[in-house]
Amino acid sequence: MTPADTSVQTDRFVHDRLPPRAAWPQQPHDTPELQALPRQVNLVAALFERARAAGHADRPFLRSDARTLTYAQAHDEVQRLAAALVRAHGLVPGQRVLLRGGNSVAMALAWLAVVHAGLVAVATMPLLRAQELGAIIDKARPALLLCDAALVAELEPVRGALPLVRFNTTDTDGMEALAARQVLRAKPCPTSGDDVALLAFTSGTTGTPKAAVHTHREVLAACECWPRHVLRATPDDVVMGSPPLAFTFGLGGLLIFPMWAGCSVYFPAIGYTPEAMVKLMIEQGATICYTAPTFYRQMAPFARTLGVGRLRISVSAGEGLPDATRQLWKEASGLEMLDGIGATEMFHIFISSPPESVRRGAVGQVVPGYRARIVDEQGHELPDGQVGRLAVIGPTGCRYLDDARQGQYVQHGWNFPGDAFVRDADGYFFYQARTDDMIITAGYNVAGPEVEATLLQHPAVAECGVVGRPDEERGQIVLAFVVLHPGHAGDAALVKALQDHVKHTLAPYKYPREVVFTDRLPRTGTGKLQRFALRQLAVARTLPETPKATP
C-alpha cells in the first residue's frame, strides 16, 4: 500500500492493523495490462467508466424478475445511495460498512455504493448466525450495518448501538427510500489504488474465519488476469450462479467481472435448487454459470433431460472438482467444465485453463499475471511429477487484518494457500488435497479428495467426505462419511461394496477402513466441505445426525 499521505481514507483502522511489510507477499505486475493500472483509482468508478467508454451505458446490467437496470441507471442509483449513506450517518473514507444479504440487485447496489464512497465493504454470508456475526463485528468494527429486511433478526442481538439500514424493503427509512429522496449524486471518493476496498472473511473450512484485506487496485488487477485470459466473457453474456456476493468467488463472478466485461447479471427472487437453476438458465438465456462441483453434480440429471439453453461456459470453483463430476456434467450438458483454484486471500482464481485447453484430471495452468511453483516443506522447488505445497505470487496477495496466521499463509514473499499439487512437464497443475487433508496411514500418504472422487463414481453415493481418524496401530485410518442417493440402504453389504470399489480403482491401501452413513455433511455457507469439522467428528466418533449405519 502507498504511504499514508497519498491515501484519502481518513479512518486508519484497517491500515493500522495490517501485518508488518516484511510479512507481505510479493506482488509482481508481469503483463502490460497490469503495468498500466493507475495508482490513483476508485474501483467502482473505474468499472462504470469502462462500461460508459465501451458504449454499454444503455445495456442491461443488473437483472431480476422485478426489475432490470442498465449500466447508466445502476450508476445513478449507486451515486445517490452513496450520497445518502454518507450524509445520513456522517461516514468518512476508510470506515467499514457491514453488508448482510443474499444475492439481489439491492445487495449489489449497496456493495457498489459503499466502495464508491471510499468506505470498506464487509460482506457477510446470509446463513451466518448472531454469534458468527458478532465475531465479525468485533473484528471489523463497522460504523454502519446494511441488511436485507428479511435477515435482520440475527443482527439484532449483536448490533448494540450500531445504526442499521434495511434494504429490499418499501419502508420509508429503508435504503431504497433513502436513495430515492437523495437529490445529490456523490462523486466517487478519489481513493488511492492502494486504499482498502473490502474485507473478505474466509469461509471457515479450516476453523476460525480470518479477514483478508483487498485494495481497489488489487481487484482491478484481478480483472486483468483470469477474466481477460481464461473466462473471456463478452457484453452479450448473461451471467447467473449460486455463490454469495459475500464470497469472493461470487463477488468476482457475479458482479465485478461482469461489470468489467459489460455483461448482465441475473439474480433470482429466491435461492436456487438444482432443478430451478437449470430451468432459470434456460428461461433467462444464461450463457455463463458459476457454482460448486456438488451443485453441478446435482444439476446434471436435469440438464440431461431439459438441456442447458444458451449456456456456453460453466465455471466450477470453491472446492476441488472430482473428474467424475466433470465427466458427468460434460455428458449431460455437452460442455467442458472450466475449473479453477483461487482463494479468498488471493481474491479469485489463479490456476485455470479455458475449455479448449483442458487436460483431464488437471485444474489447469497458471493464469497470466501469476506465478506458481511446487515446493517442499523447506520451500525448495520440487521437480515436475512430485507432490508438494503450492506457492503462488501475483498482483493479488494475502494480508490479514490483525491476525498472527499471516506467517502461515505468506512465507518468503510467496502465498501458500494450503494445497498439495503435482505439476506436469507441460505446466498443468493437478490437485491432490489440502495439505492438512493428507492422510498418513501405515506410512502411506493418502489424499482424501482422491478417495472421495472414486467413491463419487459409485452409483449409490451422492456426496462424501474423507478424512483420517487417529489409530493406535496405523497412525491414521481412512474414514469416509457418505451421503447416499435415495433408494440405497446404508448397510454392511454396501460398506463392503464401497470398499471394494475403491480397492479396485485405487491402490488398496487407500480404501476407507471405516464408512459412516449420514444424512448430510458439514458445509460452510458457500457450500465448501468443512473438513476440520469432519476430522473432529472422526475423533469424537459422533455424527451430525443419527447415522443410518455405523459399521
Protein backbone atom coordinates (compact mmCIF):
# COMPACT_ATOMS: atom_id res chain seq x y z
CA MET A 1 0.00 0.00 0.00
CA THR A 2 1.06 3.57 -0.54
CA PRO A 3 2.26 5.82 2.28
CA ALA A 4 -0.44 7.41 4.40
CA ASP A 5 -0.12 10.86 2.80
CA THR A 6 -1.37 9.53 -0.58
CA SER A 7 -4.46 7.94 0.97
CA VAL A 8 -7.82 9.67 1.32
CA GLN A 9 -9.05 7.10 3.83
CA THR A 10 -9.02 9.24 6.95
CA ASP A 11 -10.19 6.37 9.13
CA ARG A 12 -6.97 4.37 9.52
CA PHE A 13 -8.38 1.36 11.39
CA VAL A 14 -7.59 -1.19 8.66
CA HIS A 15 -4.32 0.41 7.51
CA ASP A 16 -3.02 0.40 11.10
CA ARG A 17 -3.85 -3.29 11.59
CA LEU A 18 -2.12 -4.71 8.55
CA PRO A 19 0.81 -7.10 9.01
CA PRO A 20 4.34 -5.66 9.00
CA ARG A 21 5.52 -5.00 5.47
CA ALA A 22 8.14 -7.74 5.78
CA ALA A 23 5.26 -10.23 6.11
CA TRP A 24 3.52 -9.12 2.90
CA PRO A 25 3.72 -11.25 -0.24
CA GLN A 26 5.49 -10.20 -3.40
CA GLN A 27 3.07 -8.63 -5.90
CA PRO A 28 4.62 -8.57 -9.37
CA HIS A 29 2.78 -6.95 -12.31
CA ASP A 30 4.03 -9.12 -15.14
CA THR A 31 1.70 -8.26 -18.02
CA PRO A 32 1.21 -4.99 -19.95
CA GLU A 33 -2.37 -4.70 -18.69
CA LEU A 34 -1.23 -4.92 -15.07
CA GLN A 35 1.60 -2.46 -15.58
CA ALA A 36 -0.88 0.06 -16.99
CA LEU A 37 -3.14 0.06 -13.91
CA PRO A 38 -3.38 3.56 -12.38
CA ARG A 39 -2.05 4.31 -8.93
CA GLN A 40 -4.95 6.64 -8.13
CA VAL A 41 -8.23 4.84 -8.77
CA ASN A 42 -11.64 4.08 -7.33
CA LEU A 43 -12.64 0.52 -8.25
CA VAL A 44 -16.35 1.19 -8.76
CA ALA A 45 -15.84 4.45 -10.66
CA ALA A 46 -13.31 2.72 -12.93
CA LEU A 47 -15.72 -0.11 -13.75
CA PHE A 48 -18.62 2.21 -14.55
CA GLU A 49 -16.34 4.44 -16.63
CA ARG A 50 -15.12 1.38 -18.55
CA ALA A 51 -18.74 0.46 -19.34
CA ARG A 52 -19.56 4.02 -20.46
CA ALA A 53 -16.45 4.29 -22.64
CA ALA A 54 -17.27 0.97 -24.32
CA GLY A 55 -20.79 2.16 -25.17
CA HIS A 56 -22.56 -0.06 -22.63
CA ALA A 57 -24.40 2.69 -20.71
CA ASP A 58 -27.82 1.65 -22.04
CA ARG A 59 -27.19 -2.09 -21.96
CA PRO A 60 -28.77 -4.20 -19.20
CA PHE A 61 -26.55 -4.74 -16.17
CA LEU A 62 -28.46 -5.89 -13.06
CA ARG A 63 -31.50 -8.06 -13.68
CA SER A 64 -34.15 -9.73 -11.55
CA ASP A 65 -37.74 -10.83 -12.03
CA ALA A 66 -38.87 -7.45 -10.62
CA ARG A 67 -36.62 -5.01 -12.48
CA THR A 68 -33.72 -4.50 -14.84
CA LEU A 69 -31.20 -1.67 -14.52
CA THR A 70 -28.94 -0.52 -17.31
CA TYR A 71 -25.36 0.44 -16.53
CA ALA A 72 -26.36 4.12 -16.55
CA GLN A 73 -29.35 3.54 -14.25
CA ALA A 74 -27.29 1.45 -11.84
CA HIS A 75 -24.57 4.11 -11.78
CA ASP A 76 -27.15 6.76 -10.94
CA GLU A 77 -28.56 4.68 -8.07
CA VAL A 78 -25.09 3.94 -6.72
CA GLN A 79 -24.20 7.66 -6.67
CA ARG A 80 -27.44 8.64 -4.93
CA LEU A 81 -27.18 5.80 -2.43
CA ALA A 82 -23.55 6.65 -1.61
CA ALA A 83 -24.52 10.28 -1.01
CA ALA A 84 -27.48 9.30 1.18
CA LEU A 85 -25.49 6.91 3.39
CA VAL A 86 -22.57 9.27 3.90
CA ARG A 87 -24.80 12.26 4.59
CA ALA A 88 -27.23 10.48 6.93
CA HIS A 89 -24.56 8.78 9.03
CA GLY A 90 -21.56 11.12 8.79
CA LEU A 91 -19.31 8.40 7.39
CA VAL A 92 -15.71 9.12 6.39
CA PRO A 93 -13.50 7.21 3.93
CA GLY A 94 -11.95 4.10 5.44
CA GLN A 95 -14.80 3.28 7.81
CA ARG A 96 -16.25 -0.20 7.47
CA VAL A 97 -19.82 -0.99 6.44
CA LEU A 98 -21.13 -4.47 7.15
CA LEU A 99 -23.46 -5.83 4.46
CA ARG A 100 -25.79 -8.75 5.09
CA GLY A 101 -27.96 -10.16 2.34
CA GLY A 102 -28.43 -12.83 -0.26
CA ASN A 103 -27.73 -12.24 -3.92
CA SER A 104 -30.04 -9.49 -5.19
CA VAL A 105 -29.99 -6.27 -7.17
CA ALA A 106 -30.24 -4.32 -3.89
CA MET A 107 -27.27 -6.16 -2.35
CA ALA A 108 -25.17 -5.46 -5.46
CA LEU A 109 -26.09 -1.75 -5.43
CA ALA A 110 -25.30 -1.50 -1.71
CA TRP A 111 -21.85 -3.05 -2.18
CA LEU A 112 -21.03 -0.76 -5.10
CA ALA A 113 -22.23 2.34 -3.24
CA VAL A 114 -20.08 1.56 -0.20
CA VAL A 115 -16.89 1.19 -2.24
CA HIS A 116 -17.79 4.18 -4.47
CA ALA A 117 -17.86 6.30 -1.29
CA GLY A 118 -14.36 5.20 -0.24
CA LEU A 119 -15.76 3.05 2.57
CA VAL A 120 -14.68 -0.54 3.20
CA ALA A 121 -17.23 -3.23 2.30
CA VAL A 122 -17.53 -6.11 4.79
CA ALA A 123 -20.00 -8.50 3.17
CA THR A 124 -21.23 -11.42 5.29
CA MET A 125 -22.79 -14.74 4.36
CA PRO A 126 -26.59 -14.73 4.64
CA LEU A 127 -26.59 -18.01 6.60
CA LEU A 128 -24.44 -16.70 9.45
CA ARG A 129 -25.93 -16.66 12.92
CA ALA A 130 -25.72 -13.99 15.62
CA GLN A 131 -22.62 -15.43 17.28
CA GLU A 132 -20.72 -15.53 13.98
CA LEU A 133 -21.88 -12.04 13.03
CA GLY A 134 -20.85 -10.76 16.43
CA ALA A 135 -17.32 -12.07 15.90
CA ILE A 136 -17.11 -10.26 12.54
CA ILE A 137 -18.41 -7.03 14.08
CA ASP A 138 -15.80 -7.29 16.85
CA LYS A 139 -13.06 -7.82 14.28
CA ALA A 140 -14.08 -5.28 11.63
CA ARG A 141 -15.59 -2.56 13.86
CA PRO A 142 -18.12 -1.30 11.29
CA ALA A 143 -19.68 2.14 11.52
CA LEU A 144 -22.90 1.08 9.77
CA LEU A 145 -24.89 -2.07 9.08
CA LEU A 146 -26.74 -2.59 5.78
CA CYS A 147 -29.03 -5.59 5.95
CA ASP A 148 -31.72 -7.24 3.87
CA ALA A 149 -35.01 -6.70 5.69
CA ALA A 150 -35.60 -10.46 5.77
CA LEU A 151 -32.31 -11.14 7.58
CA VAL A 152 -32.30 -8.57 10.39
CA ALA A 153 -33.20 -10.96 13.21
CA GLU A 154 -29.70 -12.45 13.60
CA LEU A 155 -28.10 -8.99 13.67
CA GLU A 156 -30.31 -7.53 16.38
CA PRO A 157 -28.73 -9.40 19.35
CA VAL A 158 -25.20 -8.26 18.42
CA ARG A 159 -25.59 -4.84 16.78
CA GLY A 160 -25.52 -2.85 20.01
CA ALA A 161 -25.80 0.86 19.20
CA LEU A 162 -24.67 0.47 15.59
CA PRO A 163 -27.01 2.17 13.09
CA LEU A 164 -28.81 -0.24 10.77
CA VAL A 165 -30.36 0.45 7.38
CA ARG A 166 -32.58 -2.17 5.77
CA PHE A 167 -32.77 -2.86 2.05
CA ASN A 168 -35.15 -4.89 -0.12
CA THR A 169 -37.97 -3.06 1.63
CA THR A 170 -40.59 -0.40 0.90
CA ASP A 171 -40.18 1.15 4.37
CA THR A 172 -39.73 4.90 4.35
CA ASP A 173 -36.45 4.60 6.24
CA GLY A 174 -35.15 1.77 4.03
CA MET A 175 -32.18 2.05 1.70
CA GLU A 176 -34.32 2.31 -1.42
CA ALA A 177 -36.36 5.20 0.00
CA LEU A 178 -33.22 7.00 1.21
CA ALA A 179 -31.70 6.80 -2.27
CA ALA A 180 -34.94 7.89 -3.97
CA ARG A 181 -35.13 11.05 -1.81
CA GLN A 182 -31.49 11.90 -2.37
CA VAL A 183 -31.09 14.76 -4.86
CA LEU A 184 -27.29 14.97 -4.87
CA ARG A 185 -25.14 12.37 -6.61
CA ALA A 186 -21.92 11.53 -4.77
CA LYS A 187 -18.77 11.86 -6.80
CA PRO A 188 -16.50 8.82 -6.42
CA CYS A 189 -14.13 9.09 -3.49
CA PRO A 190 -10.67 9.82 -5.00
CA THR A 191 -9.09 6.80 -3.37
CA SER A 192 -5.54 5.70 -3.88
CA GLY A 193 -5.40 2.38 -5.67
CA ASP A 194 -3.81 1.01 -2.52
CA ASP A 195 -6.63 2.14 -0.28
CA VAL A 196 -8.79 -0.67 1.09
CA ALA A 197 -11.93 -1.64 -0.83
CA LEU A 198 -13.08 -4.69 1.11
CA LEU A 199 -12.51 -7.07 3.98
CA ALA A 200 -13.27 -10.62 2.87
CA PHE A 201 -13.85 -13.06 5.70
CA THR A 202 -12.70 -16.58 4.94
CA SER A 203 -15.37 -19.26 4.85
CA GLY A 204 -14.19 -21.26 7.83
CA THR A 205 -13.09 -24.50 6.15
CA THR A 206 -10.02 -24.54 8.40
CA GLY A 207 -11.54 -23.15 11.58
CA THR A 208 -11.92 -19.54 12.77
CA PRO A 209 -12.54 -17.17 9.82
CA LYS A 210 -9.89 -14.59 9.02
CA ALA A 211 -10.33 -11.16 7.42
CA ALA A 212 -8.41 -10.78 4.14
CA VAL A 213 -7.75 -7.21 3.01
CA HIS A 214 -8.09 -6.23 -0.68
CA THR A 215 -7.48 -2.84 -2.27
CA HIS A 216 -9.10 -1.00 -5.18
CA ARG A 217 -6.12 -1.67 -7.42
CA GLU A 218 -5.86 -5.34 -6.48
CA VAL A 219 -9.44 -6.06 -7.51
CA LEU A 220 -8.94 -4.23 -10.81
CA ALA A 221 -5.76 -6.27 -11.29
CA ALA A 222 -7.76 -9.47 -10.77
CA CYS A 223 -10.00 -8.39 -13.69
CA GLU A 224 -6.95 -8.26 -15.94
CA CYS A 225 -5.94 -11.86 -15.19
CA TRP A 226 -8.44 -14.74 -15.14
CA PRO A 227 -11.38 -12.85 -16.74
CA ARG A 228 -9.23 -11.49 -19.58
CA HIS A 229 -7.19 -14.60 -20.36
CA VAL A 230 -9.40 -17.55 -19.39
CA LEU A 231 -13.07 -16.60 -18.94
CA ARG A 232 -13.15 -14.19 -21.91
CA ALA A 233 -16.73 -13.00 -21.33
CA THR A 234 -18.40 -10.65 -23.82
CA PRO A 235 -21.02 -7.89 -23.46
CA ASP A 236 -23.61 -10.30 -24.86
CA ASP A 237 -23.17 -12.75 -21.98
CA VAL A 238 -25.82 -13.24 -19.31
CA VAL A 239 -24.33 -14.43 -16.03
CA MET A 240 -26.00 -16.35 -13.21
CA GLY A 241 -24.87 -18.57 -10.36
CA SER A 242 -25.15 -19.63 -6.75
CA PRO A 243 -22.05 -18.35 -4.87
CA PRO A 244 -22.94 -15.49 -2.50
CA LEU A 245 -21.69 -11.97 -3.20
CA ALA A 246 -20.16 -12.15 0.28
CA PHE A 247 -17.82 -14.86 -1.05
CA THR A 248 -15.05 -13.54 -3.32
CA PHE A 249 -15.85 -16.30 -5.85
CA GLY A 250 -19.37 -14.83 -6.07
CA LEU A 251 -18.30 -11.18 -5.82
CA GLY A 252 -15.93 -11.59 -8.74
CA GLY A 253 -18.05 -13.90 -10.85
CA LEU A 254 -21.46 -12.30 -10.28
CA LEU A 255 -20.60 -8.60 -10.01
CA ILE A 256 -17.05 -7.33 -10.59
CA PHE A 257 -16.07 -9.43 -13.62
CA PRO A 258 -19.40 -8.95 -15.44
CA MET A 259 -19.02 -5.17 -14.98
CA TRP A 260 -15.50 -5.33 -16.40
CA ALA A 261 -16.77 -7.21 -19.47
CA GLY A 262 -20.05 -5.29 -19.88
CA CYS A 263 -22.23 -8.36 -19.21
CA SER A 264 -25.59 -8.51 -17.49
CA VAL A 265 -26.21 -10.48 -14.28
CA TYR A 266 -29.43 -12.21 -13.32
CA PHE A 267 -30.37 -12.56 -9.63
CA PRO A 268 -33.36 -14.81 -8.86
CA ALA A 269 -36.09 -13.85 -6.40
CA ILE A 270 -35.40 -16.94 -4.29
CA GLY A 271 -32.46 -19.25 -3.79
CA TYR A 272 -31.54 -21.88 -6.32
CA THR A 273 -32.27 -25.59 -6.27
CA PRO A 274 -30.52 -27.78 -8.87
CA GLU A 275 -33.73 -28.14 -10.89
CA ALA A 276 -34.58 -24.42 -10.61
CA MET A 277 -31.05 -23.46 -11.68
CA VAL A 278 -31.38 -25.44 -14.91
CA LYS A 279 -34.88 -24.12 -15.66
CA LEU A 280 -33.93 -20.49 -14.98
CA MET A 281 -30.77 -20.91 -17.02
CA ILE A 282 -32.96 -21.74 -19.99
CA GLU A 283 -35.65 -19.13 -19.28
CA GLN A 284 -33.18 -16.26 -18.75
CA GLY A 285 -30.87 -17.15 -21.62
CA ALA A 286 -27.88 -17.52 -19.31
CA THR A 287 -24.57 -18.06 -21.09
CA ILE A 288 -22.21 -18.25 -18.07
CA CYS A 289 -22.91 -20.14 -14.85
CA TYR A 290 -20.92 -20.19 -11.61
CA THR A 291 -21.44 -22.83 -8.94
CA ALA A 292 -19.65 -25.50 -6.94
CA PRO A 293 -18.93 -29.09 -8.07
CA THR A 294 -21.56 -30.57 -5.76
CA PHE A 295 -24.25 -28.41 -7.36
CA TYR A 296 -23.18 -29.32 -10.91
CA ARG A 297 -23.42 -32.97 -9.95
CA GLN A 298 -26.96 -32.41 -8.66
CA MET A 299 -27.88 -30.36 -11.77
CA ALA A 300 -26.69 -32.99 -14.23
CA PRO A 301 -29.89 -35.12 -14.34
CA PHE A 302 -31.99 -32.03 -15.08
CA ALA A 303 -29.52 -30.76 -17.69
CA ARG A 304 -29.68 -34.14 -19.39
CA THR A 305 -33.48 -34.00 -19.53
CA LEU A 306 -34.13 -30.29 -20.13
CA GLY A 307 -30.95 -29.12 -21.85
CA VAL A 308 -28.95 -26.02 -20.86
CA GLY A 309 -30.31 -23.43 -23.29
CA ARG A 310 -27.70 -20.88 -24.44
CA LEU A 311 -25.16 -21.80 -21.76
CA ARG A 312 -21.62 -21.78 -23.15
CA ILE A 313 -19.40 -21.57 -20.05
CA SER A 314 -19.82 -23.45 -16.78
CA VAL A 315 -17.35 -22.34 -14.12
CA SER A 316 -16.53 -24.58 -11.18
CA ALA A 317 -14.59 -23.40 -8.15
CA GLY A 318 -14.88 -23.17 -4.39
CA GLU A 319 -13.68 -26.73 -3.81
CA GLY A 320 -11.87 -29.49 -5.67
CA LEU A 321 -13.59 -30.72 -8.83
CA PRO A 322 -13.66 -34.55 -8.99
CA ASP A 323 -13.14 -35.82 -12.52
CA ALA A 324 -16.26 -37.98 -12.10
CA THR A 325 -18.32 -34.81 -11.64
CA ARG A 326 -16.62 -33.09 -14.57
CA GLN A 327 -17.39 -36.00 -16.90
CA LEU A 328 -20.94 -36.35 -15.59
CA TRP A 329 -21.64 -32.68 -16.35
CA LYS A 330 -19.96 -32.88 -19.74
CA GLU A 331 -22.08 -35.89 -20.70
CA ALA A 332 -25.27 -34.17 -19.50
CA SER A 333 -24.65 -30.68 -20.92
CA GLY A 334 -22.14 -31.13 -23.73
CA LEU A 335 -19.90 -28.53 -22.06
CA GLU A 336 -16.36 -28.91 -20.81
CA MET A 337 -16.17 -27.55 -17.28
CA LEU A 338 -13.99 -24.50 -16.68
CA ASP A 339 -12.24 -25.42 -13.44
CA GLY A 340 -10.11 -23.16 -11.30
CA ILE A 341 -8.49 -22.76 -7.94
CA GLY A 342 -8.48 -19.48 -6.10
CA ALA A 343 -8.58 -18.25 -2.53
CA THR A 344 -10.28 -15.55 -0.51
CA GLU A 345 -6.78 -14.34 0.37
CA MET A 346 -5.93 -14.00 -3.35
CA PHE A 347 -9.40 -12.64 -4.24
CA HIS A 348 -10.12 -15.07 -7.09
CA ILE A 349 -8.83 -17.75 -9.47
CA PHE A 350 -5.09 -18.01 -10.22
CA ILE A 351 -4.81 -21.51 -11.79
CA SER A 352 -7.23 -22.41 -14.58
CA SER A 353 -7.43 -23.25 -18.27
CA PRO A 354 -10.07 -22.37 -20.87
CA PRO A 355 -12.24 -25.27 -22.07
CA GLU A 356 -10.25 -25.82 -25.27
CA SER A 357 -7.04 -26.31 -23.23
CA VAL A 358 -8.40 -28.63 -20.54
CA ARG A 359 -6.28 -31.63 -19.60
CA ARG A 360 -8.27 -34.37 -17.94
CA GLY A 361 -7.73 -34.51 -14.19
CA ALA A 362 -5.88 -31.17 -14.10
CA VAL A 363 -7.15 -27.93 -12.60
CA GLY A 364 -5.27 -26.05 -15.31
CA GLN A 365 -2.21 -23.90 -15.88
CA VAL A 366 -1.10 -20.72 -14.15
CA VAL A 367 -3.24 -17.75 -15.13
CA PRO A 368 -1.22 -14.98 -16.86
CA GLY A 369 -0.21 -12.42 -14.26
CA TYR A 370 0.53 -15.08 -11.62
CA ARG A 371 3.43 -17.42 -10.95
CA ALA A 372 3.14 -20.76 -9.17
CA ARG A 373 5.52 -23.49 -8.11
CA ILE A 374 5.52 -26.70 -6.10
CA VAL A 375 7.83 -26.72 -3.08
CA ASP A 376 8.81 -28.98 -0.19
CA GLU A 377 8.40 -28.19 3.50
CA GLN A 378 11.56 -26.07 3.45
CA GLY A 379 10.33 -24.01 0.47
CA HIS A 380 12.65 -25.59 -2.10
CA GLU A 381 11.15 -26.05 -5.55
CA LEU A 382 10.38 -29.65 -6.46
CA PRO A 383 10.78 -31.21 -9.90
CA ASP A 384 7.71 -31.89 -12.02
CA GLY A 385 5.84 -35.04 -11.02
CA GLN A 386 6.43 -34.72 -7.28
CA VAL A 387 3.71 -33.84 -4.77
CA GLY A 388 4.38 -30.71 -2.77
CA ARG A 389 2.94 -27.48 -1.43
CA LEU A 390 1.53 -24.95 -3.85
CA ALA A 391 3.15 -21.49 -3.66
CA VAL A 392 1.75 -18.54 -5.62
CA ILE A 393 2.50 -14.86 -6.23
CA GLY A 394 0.73 -12.32 -8.41
CA PRO A 395 -0.94 -8.92 -8.39
CA THR A 396 -3.23 -10.03 -5.55
CA GLY A 397 -2.00 -11.48 -2.28
CA CYS A 398 -2.72 -12.22 1.35
CA ARG A 399 -2.77 -9.54 4.02
CA TYR A 400 -4.83 -10.50 7.04
CA LEU A 401 -6.36 -7.93 9.34
CA ASP A 402 -4.65 -8.19 12.72
CA ASP A 403 -4.06 -11.96 12.59
CA ALA A 404 -0.99 -13.92 13.63
CA ARG A 405 -1.78 -16.54 10.97
CA GLN A 406 -0.28 -14.20 8.34
CA GLY A 407 3.01 -16.03 8.83
CA GLN A 408 1.40 -19.36 7.97
CA TYR A 409 -0.05 -18.09 4.69
CA VAL A 410 2.82 -15.89 3.47
CA GLN A 411 6.35 -17.29 3.64
CA HIS A 412 9.43 -15.78 1.96
CA GLY A 413 7.17 -13.49 -0.06
CA TRP A 414 5.03 -16.32 -1.50
CA ASN A 415 1.39 -17.12 -0.76
CA PHE A 416 0.73 -20.66 0.48
CA PRO A 417 -2.99 -21.41 0.01
CA GLY A 418 -2.61 -24.72 1.87
CA ASP A 419 -2.98 -27.09 -1.09
CA ALA A 420 -0.92 -30.06 -2.22
CA PHE A 421 -0.41 -30.24 -6.00
CA VAL A 422 1.58 -32.01 -8.70
CA ARG A 423 2.73 -30.15 -11.83
CA ASP A 424 3.44 -31.98 -15.07
CA ALA A 425 6.05 -31.14 -17.69
CA ASP A 426 3.57 -29.02 -19.65
CA GLY A 427 2.78 -26.80 -16.68
CA TYR A 428 -0.59 -28.34 -15.78
CA PHE A 429 -1.38 -28.46 -12.07
CA PHE A 430 -3.12 -31.50 -10.58
CA TYR A 431 -4.84 -31.05 -7.24
CA GLN A 432 -4.03 -33.65 -4.59
CA ALA A 433 -5.52 -32.39 -1.34
CA ARG A 434 -5.46 -29.63 1.18
CA THR A 435 -2.08 -30.03 2.85
CA ASP A 436 -3.86 -30.70 6.13
CA ASP A 437 -6.14 -33.27 4.41
CA MET A 438 -3.31 -35.63 3.54
CA ILE A 439 -3.90 -38.85 5.49
CA ILE A 440 -0.80 -40.78 6.56
CA THR A 441 -1.74 -44.39 7.24
CA ALA A 442 0.88 -47.06 7.98
CA GLY A 443 3.48 -44.89 6.26
CA TYR A 444 1.43 -44.30 3.11
CA ASN A 445 0.19 -40.86 2.02
CA VAL A 446 -3.47 -40.83 1.01
CA ALA A 447 -5.20 -37.75 -0.40
CA GLY A 448 -8.75 -37.58 0.93
CA PRO A 449 -10.16 -35.88 -2.24
CA GLU A 450 -8.78 -38.70 -4.39
CA VAL A 451 -10.74 -41.26 -2.38
CA GLU A 452 -13.80 -39.00 -2.47
CA ALA A 453 -13.60 -38.74 -6.27
CA THR A 454 -13.52 -42.52 -6.51
CA LEU A 455 -16.44 -43.02 -4.14
CA LEU A 456 -18.47 -40.50 -6.15
CA GLN A 457 -18.18 -42.81 -9.16
CA HIS A 458 -20.29 -45.41 -7.31
CA PRO A 459 -23.99 -45.09 -8.21
CA ALA A 460 -25.11 -45.21 -4.59
CA VAL A 461 -23.02 -42.20 -3.46
CA ALA A 462 -24.50 -38.68 -3.60
CA GLU A 463 -21.86 -36.89 -1.50
CA CYS A 464 -18.91 -37.91 0.61
CA GLY A 465 -16.08 -36.57 2.72
CA VAL A 466 -12.91 -38.49 3.54
CA VAL A 467 -10.60 -37.74 6.46
CA GLY A 468 -8.10 -39.51 8.64
CA ARG A 469 -9.05 -40.92 12.04
CA PRO A 470 -6.35 -41.45 14.67
CA ASP A 471 -5.48 -45.12 15.06
CA GLU A 472 -3.07 -46.62 17.53
CA GLU A 473 -1.78 -49.29 15.16
CA ARG A 474 -1.63 -47.46 11.82
CA GLY A 475 -1.28 -43.84 12.97
CA GLN A 476 -4.40 -42.95 10.99
CA ILE A 477 -7.01 -44.86 9.08
CA VAL A 478 -9.08 -43.64 6.14
CA LEU A 479 -12.63 -42.80 7.23
CA ALA A 480 -15.40 -41.94 4.75
CA PHE A 481 -18.58 -40.05 5.63
CA VAL A 482 -21.12 -40.91 2.92
CA VAL A 483 -24.49 -39.45 1.92
CA LEU A 484 -26.47 -41.92 -0.22
CA HIS A 485 -28.83 -41.39 -3.09
CA PRO A 486 -32.46 -42.24 -2.23
CA GLY A 487 -33.25 -45.92 -2.54
CA HIS A 488 -29.93 -47.21 -1.23
CA ALA A 489 -29.60 -48.78 2.21
CA GLY A 490 -26.56 -47.94 4.32
CA ASP A 491 -25.82 -51.46 5.49
CA ALA A 492 -22.81 -53.71 5.86
CA ALA A 493 -23.19 -55.01 2.32
CA LEU A 494 -22.93 -51.51 0.88
CA VAL A 495 -19.93 -50.74 3.09
CA LYS A 496 -18.11 -53.71 1.59
CA ALA A 497 -19.22 -52.73 -1.91
CA LEU A 498 -17.81 -49.22 -1.48
CA GLN A 499 -14.57 -50.52 0.00
CA ASP A 500 -14.15 -52.98 -2.89
CA HIS A 501 -14.93 -50.23 -5.38
CA VAL A 502 -12.08 -48.10 -4.01
CA LYS A 503 -9.71 -51.08 -3.82
CA HIS A 504 -10.38 -51.88 -7.47
CA THR A 505 -9.87 -48.28 -8.58
CA LEU A 506 -7.00 -47.04 -6.39
CA ALA A 507 -4.08 -48.60 -4.60
CA PRO A 508 -5.57 -50.97 -1.99
CA TYR A 509 -4.11 -49.08 0.97
CA LYS A 510 -6.31 -46.09 0.06
CA TYR A 511 -9.64 -47.79 0.72
CA PRO A 512 -11.74 -46.46 3.64
CA ARG A 513 -11.41 -48.88 6.53
CA GLU A 514 -14.45 -47.23 8.08
CA VAL A 515 -17.57 -45.98 6.29
CA VAL A 516 -20.17 -43.94 8.13
CA PHE A 517 -23.52 -43.16 6.51
CA THR A 518 -25.11 -39.82 7.35
CA ASP A 519 -27.90 -37.60 6.03
CA ARG A 520 -25.69 -34.55 5.50
CA LEU A 521 -22.14 -33.28 5.53
CA PRO A 522 -21.00 -30.14 7.38
CA ARG A 523 -20.54 -27.30 4.88
CA THR A 524 -19.88 -23.58 5.01
CA GLY A 525 -22.39 -21.01 3.79
CA THR A 526 -20.65 -21.16 0.38
CA GLY A 527 -21.09 -24.93 0.10
CA LYS A 528 -17.49 -25.89 0.90
CA LEU A 529 -16.98 -29.10 2.81
CA GLN A 530 -15.74 -28.36 6.33
CA ARG A 531 -13.04 -30.98 6.63
CA PHE A 532 -11.91 -29.72 10.01
CA ALA A 533 -15.43 -30.49 11.27
CA LEU A 534 -15.27 -33.98 9.79
CA ARG A 535 -11.92 -34.56 11.49
CA GLN A 536 -13.48 -33.52 14.79
CA LEU A 537 -16.36 -35.92 14.18
CA ALA A 538 -13.93 -38.67 13.33
CA VAL A 539 -12.03 -38.20 16.58
CA ALA A 540 -15.19 -37.94 18.67
CA ARG A 541 -16.87 -40.82 16.80
CA THR A 542 -20.09 -38.80 16.56
CA LEU A 543 -22.23 -37.68 13.64
CA PRO A 544 -24.18 -34.52 12.80
CA GLU A 545 -27.30 -36.71 12.71
CA THR A 546 -28.19 -40.21 13.78
CA PRO A 547 -26.45 -42.47 11.30
CA LYS A 548 -28.26 -44.95 9.14
CA ALA A 549 -25.49 -47.42 9.80
CA THR A 550 -22.18 -47.35 11.58
CA PRO A 551 -20.26 -50.48 10.66
